PDB file of N, CA and C in Angstrom:
ATOM      1  N   MET A   1      15.024 -10.344 244.094  1.00  0.00           N
ATOM      2  CA  MET A   1      15.597 -10.977 245.261  1.00  0.00           C
ATOM      3  C   MET A   1      16.794 -11.854 244.892  1.00  0.00           C
ATOM      4  N   PHE A   2      16.710 -12.530 243.751  1.00  0.00           N
ATOM      5  CA  PHE A   2      17.788 -13.412 243.322  1.00  0.00           C
ATOM      6  C   PHE A   2      18.534 -12.831 242.130  1.00  0.00           C
ATOM      7  N   ASP A   3      18.585 -11.507 242.028  1.00  0.00           N
ATOM      8  CA  ASP A   3      19.291 -10.862 240.926  1.00  0.00           C
ATOM      9  C   ASP A   3      20.756 -11.287 240.912  1.00  0.00           C
ATOM     10  N   GLY A   4      21.223 -11.645 239.743  1.00  0.00           N
ATOM     11  CA  GLY A   4      22.627 -12.009 239.586  1.00  0.00           C
ATOM     12  C   GLY A   4      22.942 -13.436 239.988  1.00  0.00           C
ATOM     13  N   ILE A   5      21.932 -14.207 240.379  1.00  0.00           N
ATOM     14  CA  ILE A   5      22.160 -15.600 240.779  1.00  0.00           C
ATOM     15  C   ILE A   5      21.554 -16.505 239.720  1.00  0.00           C
ATOM     16  N   ASP A   6      22.357 -17.386 239.168  1.00  0.00           N
ATOM     17  CA  ASP A   6      21.895 -18.325 238.151  1.00  0.00           C
ATOM     18  C   ASP A   6      21.324 -19.551 238.855  1.00  0.00           C
ATOM     19  N   LEU A   7      19.991 -19.569 239.043  1.00  0.00           N
ATOM     20  CA  LEU A   7      19.345 -20.655 239.765  1.00  0.00           C
ATOM     21  C   LEU A   7      19.445 -21.988 239.031  1.00  0.00           C
ATOM     22  N   SER A   8      19.714 -21.949 237.725  1.00  0.00           N
ATOM     23  CA  SER A   8      19.822 -23.195 236.974  1.00  0.00           C
ATOM     24  C   SER A   8      21.073 -23.977 237.354  1.00  0.00           C
ATOM     25  N   LYS A   9      22.037 -23.320 238.002  1.00  0.00           N
ATOM     26  CA  LYS A   9      23.271 -23.993 238.401  1.00  0.00           C
ATOM     27  C   LYS A   9      23.162 -24.640 239.779  1.00  0.00           C
ATOM     28  N   ILE A  10      22.036 -24.448 240.437  1.00  0.00           N
ATOM     29  CA  ILE A  10      21.831 -25.030 241.759  1.00  0.00           C
ATOM     30  C   ILE A  10      21.155 -26.378 241.584  1.00  0.00           C
ATOM     31  N   ASN A  11      21.842 -27.434 241.983  1.00  0.00           N
ATOM     32  CA  ASN A  11      21.319 -28.787 241.867  1.00  0.00           C
ATOM     33  C   ASN A  11      20.784 -29.215 243.233  1.00  0.00           C
ATOM     34  N   LEU A  12      19.456 -29.263 243.332  1.00  0.00           N
ATOM     35  CA  LEU A  12      18.842 -29.593 244.614  1.00  0.00           C
ATOM     36  C   LEU A  12      19.158 -31.007 245.072  1.00  0.00           C
ATOM     37  N   ASN A  13      19.285 -31.928 244.130  1.00  0.00           N
ATOM     38  CA  ASN A  13      19.626 -33.302 244.520  1.00  0.00           C
ATOM     39  C   ASN A  13      21.003 -33.351 245.161  1.00  0.00           C
ATOM     40  N   ASP A  14      21.958 -32.613 244.604  1.00  0.00           N
ATOM     41  CA  ASP A  14      23.292 -32.559 245.194  1.00  0.00           C
ATOM     42  C   ASP A  14      23.240 -31.935 246.586  1.00  0.00           C
ATOM     43  N   MET A  15      22.457 -30.856 246.714  1.00  0.00           N
ATOM     44  CA  MET A  15      22.339 -30.193 248.005  1.00  0.00           C
ATOM     45  C   MET A  15      21.731 -31.130 249.047  1.00  0.00           C
ATOM     46  N   MET A  16      20.689 -31.857 248.665  1.00  0.00           N
ATOM     47  CA  MET A  16      20.043 -32.771 249.613  1.00  0.00           C
ATOM     48  C   MET A  16      20.994 -33.902 249.995  1.00  0.00           C
ATOM     49  N   GLY A  17      21.785 -34.368 249.042  1.00  0.00           N
ATOM     50  CA  GLY A  17      22.776 -35.395 249.337  1.00  0.00           C
ATOM     51  C   GLY A  17      23.805 -34.894 250.329  1.00  0.00           C
ATOM     52  N   GLN A  18      24.223 -33.644 250.149  1.00  0.00           N
ATOM     53  CA  GLN A  18      25.192 -33.048 251.071  1.00  0.00           C
ATOM     54  C   GLN A  18      24.592 -32.913 252.465  1.00  0.00           C
ATOM     55  N   VAL A  19      23.347 -32.485 252.535  1.00  0.00           N
ATOM     56  CA  VAL A  19      22.678 -32.324 253.831  1.00  0.00           C
ATOM     57  C   VAL A  19      22.570 -33.671 254.534  1.00  0.00           C
ATOM     58  N   GLN A  20      22.175 -34.702 253.792  1.00  0.00           N
ATOM     59  CA  GLN A  20      22.043 -36.034 254.394  1.00  0.00           C
ATOM     60  C   GLN A  20      23.400 -36.551 254.868  1.00  0.00           C
ATOM     61  N   GLU A  21      24.425 -36.344 254.060  1.00  0.00           N
ATOM     62  CA  GLU A  21      25.775 -36.774 254.434  1.00  0.00           C
ATOM     63  C   GLU A  21      26.250 -36.045 255.688  1.00  0.00           C
ATOM     64  N   MET A  22      25.973 -34.746 255.764  1.00  0.00           N
ATOM     65  CA  MET A  22      26.377 -33.972 256.941  1.00  0.00           C
ATOM     66  C   MET A  22      25.631 -34.434 258.185  1.00  0.00           C
ATOM     67  N   ALA A  23      24.350 -34.770 258.043  1.00  0.00           N
ATOM     68  CA  ALA A  23      23.563 -35.232 259.191  1.00  0.00           C
ATOM     69  C   ALA A  23      24.102 -36.557 259.714  1.00  0.00           C
ATOM     70  N   GLU A  24      24.461 -37.453 258.812  1.00  0.00           N
ATOM     71  CA  GLU A  24      25.017 -38.738 259.224  1.00  0.00           C
ATOM     72  C   GLU A  24      26.368 -38.546 259.911  1.00  0.00           C
ATOM     73  N   LYS A  25      27.185 -37.645 259.362  1.00  0.00           N
ATOM     74  CA  LYS A  25      28.493 -37.371 259.960  1.00  0.00           C
ATOM     75  C   LYS A  25      28.322 -36.750 261.350  1.00  0.00           C
ATOM     76  N   ALA A  26      27.357 -35.848 261.485  1.00  0.00           N
ATOM     77  CA  ALA A  26      27.114 -35.199 262.777  1.00  0.00           C
ATOM     78  C   ALA A  26      26.677 -36.220 263.818  1.00  0.00           C
ATOM     79  N   LYS A  27      25.814 -37.155 263.431  1.00  0.00           N
ATOM     80  CA  LYS A  27      25.361 -38.177 264.378  1.00  0.00           C
ATOM     81  C   LYS A  27      26.527 -39.070 264.791  1.00  0.00           C
ATOM     82  N   GLU A  28      27.358 -39.437 263.823  1.00  0.00           N
ATOM     83  CA  GLU A  28      28.530 -40.264 264.116  1.00  0.00           C
ATOM     84  C   GLU A  28      29.497 -39.522 265.044  1.00  0.00           C
ATOM     85  N   ASN A  29      29.756 -38.263 264.736  1.00  0.00           N
ATOM     86  CA  ASN A  29      30.644 -37.457 265.576  1.00  0.00           C
ATOM     87  C   ASN A  29      30.048 -37.248 266.963  1.00  0.00           C
ATOM     88  N   GLY A  30      28.741 -37.115 267.018  1.00  0.00           N
ATOM     89  CA  GLY A  30      28.061 -36.879 268.288  1.00  0.00           C
ATOM     90  C   GLY A  30      28.255 -38.008 269.271  1.00  0.00           C
ATOM     91  N   SER A  31      28.257 -39.233 268.785  1.00  0.00           N
ATOM     92  CA  SER A  31      28.420 -40.354 269.703  1.00  0.00           C
ATOM     93  C   SER A  31      29.831 -40.404 270.277  1.00  0.00           C
ATOM     94  N   ASN A  32      30.783 -39.717 269.633  1.00  0.00           N
ATOM     95  CA  ASN A  32      32.164 -39.691 270.118  1.00  0.00           C
ATOM     96  C   ASN A  32      32.428 -38.538 271.092  1.00  0.00           C
ATOM     97  N   GLN A  33      31.570 -37.545 271.102  1.00  0.00           N
ATOM     98  CA  GLN A  33      31.747 -36.411 272.001  1.00  0.00           C
ATOM     99  C   GLN A  33      31.144 -36.737 273.365  1.00  0.00           C
ATOM    100  N   ILE A  34      31.793 -36.252 274.408  1.00  0.00           N
ATOM    101  CA  ILE A  34      31.265 -36.454 275.765  1.00  0.00           C
ATOM    102  C   ILE A  34      31.205 -35.108 276.475  1.00  0.00           C
ATOM    103  N   PHE A  35      30.059 -34.844 277.081  1.00  0.00           N
ATOM    104  CA  PHE A  35      29.848 -33.611 277.838  1.00  0.00           C
ATOM    105  C   PHE A  35      29.561 -34.012 279.286  1.00  0.00           C
ATOM    106  N   THR A  36      30.194 -33.323 280.217  1.00  0.00           N
ATOM    107  CA  THR A  36      30.049 -33.655 281.633  1.00  0.00           C
ATOM    108  C   THR A  36      29.696 -32.402 282.424  1.00  0.00           C
ATOM    109  N   SER A  37      28.796 -32.569 283.365  1.00  0.00           N
ATOM    110  CA  SER A  37      28.416 -31.481 284.258  1.00  0.00           C
ATOM    111  C   SER A  37      28.476 -31.990 285.687  1.00  0.00           C
ATOM    112  N   LYS A  38      28.941 -31.117 286.566  1.00  0.00           N
ATOM    113  CA  LYS A  38      28.962 -31.428 287.992  1.00  0.00           C
ATOM    114  C   LYS A  38      28.082 -30.424 288.715  1.00  0.00           C
ATOM    115  N   ALA A  39      27.401 -30.893 289.745  1.00  0.00           N
ATOM    116  CA  ALA A  39      26.552 -30.009 290.549  1.00  0.00           C
ATOM    117  C   ALA A  39      26.788 -30.332 292.017  1.00  0.00           C
ATOM    118  N   GLY A  40      26.542 -29.347 292.853  1.00  0.00           N
ATOM    119  CA  GLY A  40      26.704 -29.548 294.287  1.00  0.00           C
ATOM    120  C   GLY A  40      28.141 -29.811 294.679  1.00  0.00           C
ATOM    121  N   GLY A  41      29.041 -29.096 294.026  1.00  0.00           N
ATOM    122  CA  GLY A  41      30.457 -29.274 294.355  1.00  0.00           C
ATOM    123  C   GLY A  41      30.977 -30.650 293.987  1.00  0.00           C
ATOM    124  N   GLY A  42      30.370 -31.261 292.985  1.00  0.00           N
ATOM    125  CA  GLY A  42      30.816 -32.578 292.530  1.00  0.00           C
ATOM    126  C   GLY A  42      30.038 -33.731 293.148  1.00  0.00           C
ATOM    127  N   MET A  43      28.999 -33.408 293.930  1.00  0.00           N
ATOM    128  CA  MET A  43      28.197 -34.474 294.536  1.00  0.00           C
ATOM    129  C   MET A  43      27.387 -35.230 293.484  1.00  0.00           C
ATOM    130  N   ILE A  44      27.098 -34.541 292.384  1.00  0.00           N
ATOM    131  CA  ILE A  44      26.430 -35.145 291.228  1.00  0.00           C
ATOM    132  C   ILE A  44      27.345 -34.917 290.031  1.00  0.00           C
ATOM    133  N   GLU A  45      27.573 -35.967 289.261  1.00  0.00           N
ATOM    134  CA  GLU A  45      28.330 -35.831 288.014  1.00  0.00           C
ATOM    135  C   GLU A  45      27.582 -36.609 286.938  1.00  0.00           C
ATOM    136  N   LEU A  46      27.217 -35.901 285.875  1.00  0.00           N
ATOM    137  CA  LEU A  46      26.410 -36.473 284.806  1.00  0.00           C
ATOM    138  C   LEU A  46      27.138 -36.295 283.485  1.00  0.00           C
ATOM    139  N   SER A  47      27.234 -37.361 282.713  1.00  0.00           N
ATOM    140  CA  SER A  47      27.879 -37.297 281.394  1.00  0.00           C
ATOM    141  C   SER A  47      26.917 -37.805 280.331  1.00  0.00           C
ATOM    142  N   ILE A  48      26.897 -37.083 279.210  1.00  0.00           N
ATOM    143  CA  ILE A  48      26.113 -37.514 278.053  1.00  0.00           C
ATOM    144  C   ILE A  48      27.021 -37.461 276.836  1.00  0.00           C
ATOM    145  N   ASN A  49      26.623 -38.178 275.784  1.00  0.00           N
ATOM    146  CA  ASN A  49      27.365 -38.055 274.537  1.00  0.00           C
ATOM    147  C   ASN A  49      26.696 -36.991 273.675  1.00  0.00           C
ATOM    148  N   GLY A  50      27.279 -36.724 272.520  1.00  0.00           N
ATOM    149  CA  GLY A  50      26.769 -35.673 271.646  1.00  0.00           C
ATOM    150  C   GLY A  50      25.399 -35.949 271.059  1.00  0.00           C
ATOM    151  N   ASN A  51      24.908 -37.173 271.217  1.00  0.00           N
ATOM    152  CA  ASN A  51      23.558 -37.512 270.775  1.00  0.00           C
ATOM    153  C   ASN A  51      22.564 -37.417 271.925  1.00  0.00           C
ATOM    154  N   SER A  52      22.987 -36.777 273.015  1.00  0.00           N
ATOM    155  CA  SER A  52      22.166 -36.554 274.210  1.00  0.00           C
ATOM    156  C   SER A  52      21.741 -37.834 274.908  1.00  0.00           C
ATOM    157  N   GLU A  53      22.579 -38.853 274.830  1.00  0.00           N
ATOM    158  CA  GLU A  53      22.324 -40.101 275.537  1.00  0.00           C
ATOM    159  C   GLU A  53      23.157 -40.101 276.822  1.00  0.00           C
ATOM    160  N   VAL A  54      22.514 -40.376 277.953  1.00  0.00           N
ATOM    161  CA  VAL A  54      23.227 -40.420 279.229  1.00  0.00           C
ATOM    162  C   VAL A  54      24.159 -41.629 279.209  1.00  0.00           C
ATOM    163  N   ILE A  55      25.441 -41.367 279.498  1.00  0.00           N
ATOM    164  CA  ILE A  55      26.404 -42.462 279.498  1.00  0.00           C
ATOM    165  C   ILE A  55      26.990 -42.723 280.885  1.00  0.00           C
ATOM    166  N   ASP A  56      26.833 -41.771 281.806  1.00  0.00           N
ATOM    167  CA  ASP A  56      27.340 -41.986 283.157  1.00  0.00           C
ATOM    168  C   ASP A  56      26.642 -41.033 284.127  1.00  0.00           C
ATOM    169  N   LEU A  57      26.395 -41.550 285.326  1.00  0.00           N
ATOM    170  CA  LEU A  57      25.810 -40.745 286.393  1.00  0.00           C
ATOM    171  C   LEU A  57      26.419 -41.195 287.707  1.00  0.00           C
ATOM    172  N   GLN A  58      27.022 -40.246 288.406  1.00  0.00           N
ATOM    173  CA  GLN A  58      27.613 -40.523 289.714  1.00  0.00           C
ATOM    174  C   GLN A  58      26.869 -39.679 290.749  1.00  0.00           C
ATOM    175  N   ILE A  59      26.453 -40.328 291.836  1.00  0.00           N
ATOM    176  CA  ILE A  59      25.732 -39.643 292.910  1.00  0.00           C
ATOM    177  C   ILE A  59      26.447 -39.931 294.226  1.00  0.00           C
ATOM    178  N   ASP A  60      26.807 -38.878 294.934  1.00  0.00           N
ATOM    179  CA  ASP A  60      27.449 -39.031 296.238  1.00  0.00           C
ATOM    180  C   ASP A  60      26.454 -39.695 297.196  1.00  0.00           C
ATOM    181  N   ASN A  61      26.931 -40.661 297.961  1.00  0.00           N
ATOM    182  CA  ASN A  61      26.076 -41.404 298.888  1.00  0.00           C
ATOM    183  C   ASN A  61      25.326 -40.516 299.874  1.00  0.00           C
ATOM    184  N   SER A  62      25.910 -39.370 300.230  1.00  0.00           N
ATOM    185  CA  SER A  62      25.260 -38.496 301.211  1.00  0.00           C
ATOM    186  C   SER A  62      23.946 -37.927 300.694  1.00  0.00           C
ATOM    187  N   LEU A  63      23.766 -37.917 299.382  1.00  0.00           N
ATOM    188  CA  LEU A  63      22.521 -37.375 298.812  1.00  0.00           C
ATOM    189  C   LEU A  63      21.379 -38.384 298.823  1.00  0.00           C
ATOM    190  N   LEU A  64      21.681 -39.630 299.067  1.00  0.00           N
ATOM    191  CA  LEU A  64      20.646 -40.661 298.996  1.00  0.00           C
ATOM    192  C   LEU A  64      19.598 -40.520 300.099  1.00  0.00           C
ATOM    193  N   GLU A  65      19.912 -39.778 301.139  1.00  0.00           N
ATOM    194  CA  GLU A  65      18.963 -39.563 302.231  1.00  0.00           C
ATOM    195  C   GLU A  65      18.304 -38.192 302.155  1.00  0.00           C
ATOM    196  N   ASP A  66      18.650 -37.394 301.128  1.00  0.00           N
ATOM    197  CA  ASP A  66      18.107 -36.035 300.984  1.00  0.00           C
ATOM    198  C   ASP A  66      17.502 -35.894 299.588  1.00  0.00           C
ATOM    199  N   LYS A  67      16.286 -36.403 299.454  1.00  0.00           N
ATOM    200  CA  LYS A  67      15.616 -36.455 298.157  1.00  0.00           C
ATOM    201  C   LYS A  67      15.499 -35.081 297.505  1.00  0.00           C
ATOM    202  N   ASP A  68      15.141 -34.056 298.257  1.00  0.00           N
ATOM    203  CA  ASP A  68      14.962 -32.717 297.680  1.00  0.00           C
ATOM    204  C   ASP A  68      16.261 -32.184 297.084  1.00  0.00           C
ATOM    205  N   SER A  69      17.350 -32.301 297.822  1.00  0.00           N
ATOM    206  CA  SER A  69      18.643 -31.845 297.309  1.00  0.00           C
ATOM    207  C   SER A  69      19.064 -32.657 296.093  1.00  0.00           C
ATOM    208  N   LEU A  70      18.831 -33.960 296.148  1.00  0.00           N
ATOM    209  CA  LEU A  70      19.170 -34.831 295.022  1.00  0.00           C
ATOM    210  C   LEU A  70      18.438 -34.395 293.763  1.00  0.00           C
ATOM    211  N   GLN A  71      17.142 -34.134 293.888  1.00  0.00           N
ATOM    212  CA  GLN A  71      16.361 -33.699 292.725  1.00  0.00           C
ATOM    213  C   GLN A  71      16.867 -32.367 292.174  1.00  0.00           C
ATOM    214  N   ILE A  72      17.125 -31.418 293.041  1.00  0.00           N
ATOM    215  CA  ILE A  72      17.592 -30.096 292.609  1.00  0.00           C
ATOM    216  C   ILE A  72      18.928 -30.209 291.886  1.00  0.00           C
ATOM    217  N   LEU A  73      19.850 -30.976 292.458  1.00  0.00           N
ATOM    218  CA  LEU A  73      21.178 -31.113 291.849  1.00  0.00           C
ATOM    219  C   LEU A  73      21.128 -31.891 290.538  1.00  0.00           C
ATOM    220  N   LEU A  74      20.284 -32.912 290.450  1.00  0.00           N
ATOM    221  CA  LEU A  74      20.129 -33.652 289.194  1.00  0.00           C
ATOM    222  C   LEU A  74      19.578 -32.758 288.094  1.00  0.00           C
ATOM    223  N   ILE A  75      18.565 -31.968 288.423  1.00  0.00           N
ATOM    224  CA  ILE A  75      17.978 -31.058 287.437  1.00  0.00           C
ATOM    225  C   ILE A  75      19.021 -30.049 286.959  1.00  0.00           C
ATOM    226  N   SER A  76      19.792 -29.518 287.884  1.00  0.00           N
ATOM    227  CA  SER A  76      20.830 -28.557 287.538  1.00  0.00           C
ATOM    228  C   SER A  76      21.867 -29.180 286.604  1.00  0.00           C
ATOM    229  N   ALA A  77      22.345 -30.369 286.957  1.00  0.00           N
ATOM    230  CA  ALA A  77      23.355 -31.043 286.134  1.00  0.00           C
ATOM    231  C   ALA A  77      22.793 -31.393 284.761  1.00  0.00           C
ATOM    232  N   MET A  78      21.545 -31.871 284.719  1.00  0.00           N
ATOM    233  CA  MET A  78      20.928 -32.232 283.428  1.00  0.00           C
ATOM    234  C   MET A  78      20.785 -31.012 282.529  1.00  0.00           C
ATOM    235  N   ASN A  79      20.279 -29.929 283.072  1.00  0.00           N
ATOM    236  CA  ASN A  79      20.109 -28.723 282.267  1.00  0.00           C
ATOM    237  C   ASN A  79      21.442 -28.216 281.725  1.00  0.00           C
ATOM    238  N   ASP A  80      22.473 -28.249 282.560  1.00  0.00           N
ATOM    239  CA  ASP A  80      23.785 -27.768 282.141  1.00  0.00           C
ATOM    240  C   ASP A  80      24.379 -28.636 281.034  1.00  0.00           C
ATOM    241  N   VAL A  81      24.333 -29.944 281.200  1.00  0.00           N
ATOM    242  CA  VAL A  81      24.958 -30.827 280.228  1.00  0.00           C
ATOM    243  C   VAL A  81      24.184 -30.831 278.900  1.00  0.00           C
ATOM    244  N   ILE A  82      22.875 -30.698 278.967  1.00  0.00           N
ATOM    245  CA  ILE A  82      22.080 -30.613 277.735  1.00  0.00           C
ATOM    246  C   ILE A  82      22.399 -29.319 277.000  1.00  0.00           C
ATOM    247  N   LYS A  83      22.571 -28.227 277.721  1.00  0.00           N
ATOM    248  CA  LYS A  83      22.950 -26.957 277.097  1.00  0.00           C
ATOM    249  C   LYS A  83      24.315 -27.073 276.413  1.00  0.00           C
ATOM    250  N   GLN A  84      25.265 -27.733 277.067  1.00  0.00           N
ATOM    251  CA  GLN A  84      26.582 -27.935 276.461  1.00  0.00           C
ATOM    252  C   GLN A  84      26.449 -28.682 275.139  1.00  0.00           C
ATOM    253  N   SER A  85      25.661 -29.752 275.140  1.00  0.00           N
ATOM    254  CA  SER A  85      25.465 -30.566 273.934  1.00  0.00           C
ATOM    255  C   SER A  85      24.770 -29.764 272.838  1.00  0.00           C
ATOM    256  N   ASP A  86      23.729 -29.024 273.208  1.00  0.00           N
ATOM    257  CA  ASP A  86      23.002 -28.211 272.224  1.00  0.00           C
ATOM    258  C   ASP A  86      23.897 -27.139 271.612  1.00  0.00           C
ATOM    259  N   ASP A  87      24.689 -26.477 272.447  1.00  0.00           N
ATOM    260  CA  ASP A  87      25.608 -25.449 271.939  1.00  0.00           C
ATOM    261  C   ASP A  87      26.612 -26.051 270.956  1.00  0.00           C
ATOM    262  N   SER A  88      27.085 -27.238 271.259  1.00  0.00           N
ATOM    263  CA  SER A  88      28.031 -27.916 270.372  1.00  0.00           C
ATOM    264  C   SER A  88      27.364 -28.265 269.042  1.00  0.00           C
ATOM    265  N   LYS A  89      26.119 -28.753 269.105  1.00  0.00           N
ATOM    266  CA  LYS A  89      25.384 -29.092 267.872  1.00  0.00           C
ATOM    267  C   LYS A  89      25.167 -27.849 267.015  1.00  0.00           C
ATOM    268  N   LYS A  90      24.815 -26.739 267.650  1.00  0.00           N
ATOM    269  CA  LYS A  90      24.598 -25.499 266.901  1.00  0.00           C
ATOM    270  C   LYS A  90      25.886 -25.036 266.233  1.00  0.00           C
ATOM    271  N   ALA A  91      26.987 -25.100 266.961  1.00  0.00           N
ATOM    272  CA  ALA A  91      28.277 -24.685 266.402  1.00  0.00           C
ATOM    273  C   ALA A  91      28.665 -25.583 265.238  1.00  0.00           C
ATOM    274  N   MET A  92      28.431 -26.879 265.376  1.00  0.00           N
ATOM    275  CA  MET A  92      28.766 -27.818 264.307  1.00  0.00           C
ATOM    276  C   MET A  92      27.901 -27.545 263.078  1.00  0.00           C
ATOM    277  N   ALA A  93      26.622 -27.279 263.289  1.00  0.00           N
ATOM    278  CA  ALA A  93      25.722 -26.996 262.170  1.00  0.00           C
ATOM    279  C   ALA A  93      26.136 -25.720 261.441  1.00  0.00           C
ATOM    280  N   MET A  94      26.508 -24.710 262.202  1.00  0.00           N
ATOM    281  CA  MET A  94      26.941 -23.458 261.573  1.00  0.00           C
ATOM    282  C   MET A  94      28.215 -23.670 260.760  1.00  0.00           C
ATOM    283  N   ASN A  95      29.139 -24.467 261.279  1.00  0.00           N
ATOM    284  CA  ASN A  95      30.365 -24.759 260.543  1.00  0.00           C
ATOM    285  C   ASN A  95      30.079 -25.534 259.263  1.00  0.00           C
ATOM    286  N   MET A  96      29.184 -26.503 259.346  1.00  0.00           N
ATOM    287  CA  MET A  96      28.843 -27.305 258.163  1.00  0.00           C
ATOM    288  C   MET A  96      28.127 -26.471 257.113  1.00  0.00           C
ATOM    289  N   MET A  97      27.203 -25.644 257.553  1.00  0.00           N
ATOM    290  CA  MET A  97      26.424 -24.845 256.607  1.00  0.00           C
ATOM    291  C   MET A  97      27.281 -23.772 255.943  1.00  0.00           C
ATOM    292  N   GLY A  98      28.356 -23.372 256.607  1.00  0.00           N
ATOM    293  CA  GLY A  98      29.234 -22.364 256.040  1.00  0.00           C
ATOM    294  C   GLY A  98      29.843 -22.804 254.725  1.00  0.00           C
ATOM    295  N   GLY A  99      30.042 -24.079 254.533  1.00  0.00           N
ATOM    296  CA  GLY A  99      30.627 -24.590 253.302  1.00  0.00           C
ATOM    297  C   GLY A  99      29.603 -25.011 252.283  1.00  0.00           C
ATOM    298  N   MET A 100      28.345 -24.705 252.537  1.00  0.00           N
ATOM    299  CA  MET A 100      27.294 -25.177 251.633  1.00  0.00           C
ATOM    300  C   MET A 100      26.366 -24.046 251.218  1.00  0.00           C
ATOM    301  N   ASN A 101      26.897 -22.955 250.751  1.00  0.00           N
ATOM    302  CA  ASN A 101      26.079 -21.830 250.343  1.00  0.00           C
ATOM    303  C   ASN A 101      25.984 -21.806 248.820  1.00  0.00           C
ATOM    304  N   PRO A 102      24.843 -22.233 248.269  1.00  0.00           N
ATOM    305  CA  PRO A 102      24.699 -22.276 246.815  1.00  0.00           C
ATOM    306  C   PRO A 102      24.608 -20.887 246.186  1.00  0.00           C
ATOM    307  N   PHE A 103      24.396 -19.871 247.000  1.00  0.00           N
ATOM    308  CA  PHE A 103      24.243 -18.518 246.481  1.00  0.00           C
ATOM    309  C   PHE A 103      25.532 -17.712 246.555  1.00  0.00           C
ATOM    310  N   ALA A 104      26.580 -18.331 247.094  1.00  0.00           N
ATOM    311  CA  ALA A 104      27.860 -17.611 247.189  1.00  0.00           C
ATOM    312  C   ALA A 104      28.428 -17.390 245.808  1.00  0.00           C
ATOM    313  N   LYS A 105      29.069 -16.247 245.637  1.00  0.00           N
ATOM    314  CA  LYS A 105      29.648 -15.937 244.324  1.00  0.00           C
ATOM    315  C   LYS A 105      31.055 -16.406 244.240  1.00  0.00           C
TER     316      LYS A 105
END
């Protein structure tokens, strides 16, 4: 399975240090990213940062008397903005891991 790979040249401590450094950088970068979703034609606007922390929520006054619509639109906006954040995290992880392949020749 590992034919042609010199496992003695792989330093696990260095790899773990790189992983920890990348995780810290990702968390720092995440707090700077902002993802926004609108639902109901803009009646709901929800923003989160890259660490999935809600940073802003705007609700049109007309929804305050329609609890069912408010709930549906909030759920829609939350699901959308969380998906945006997750997709960004996955893309960032793939980019980071691309430069950290100890088995590359």
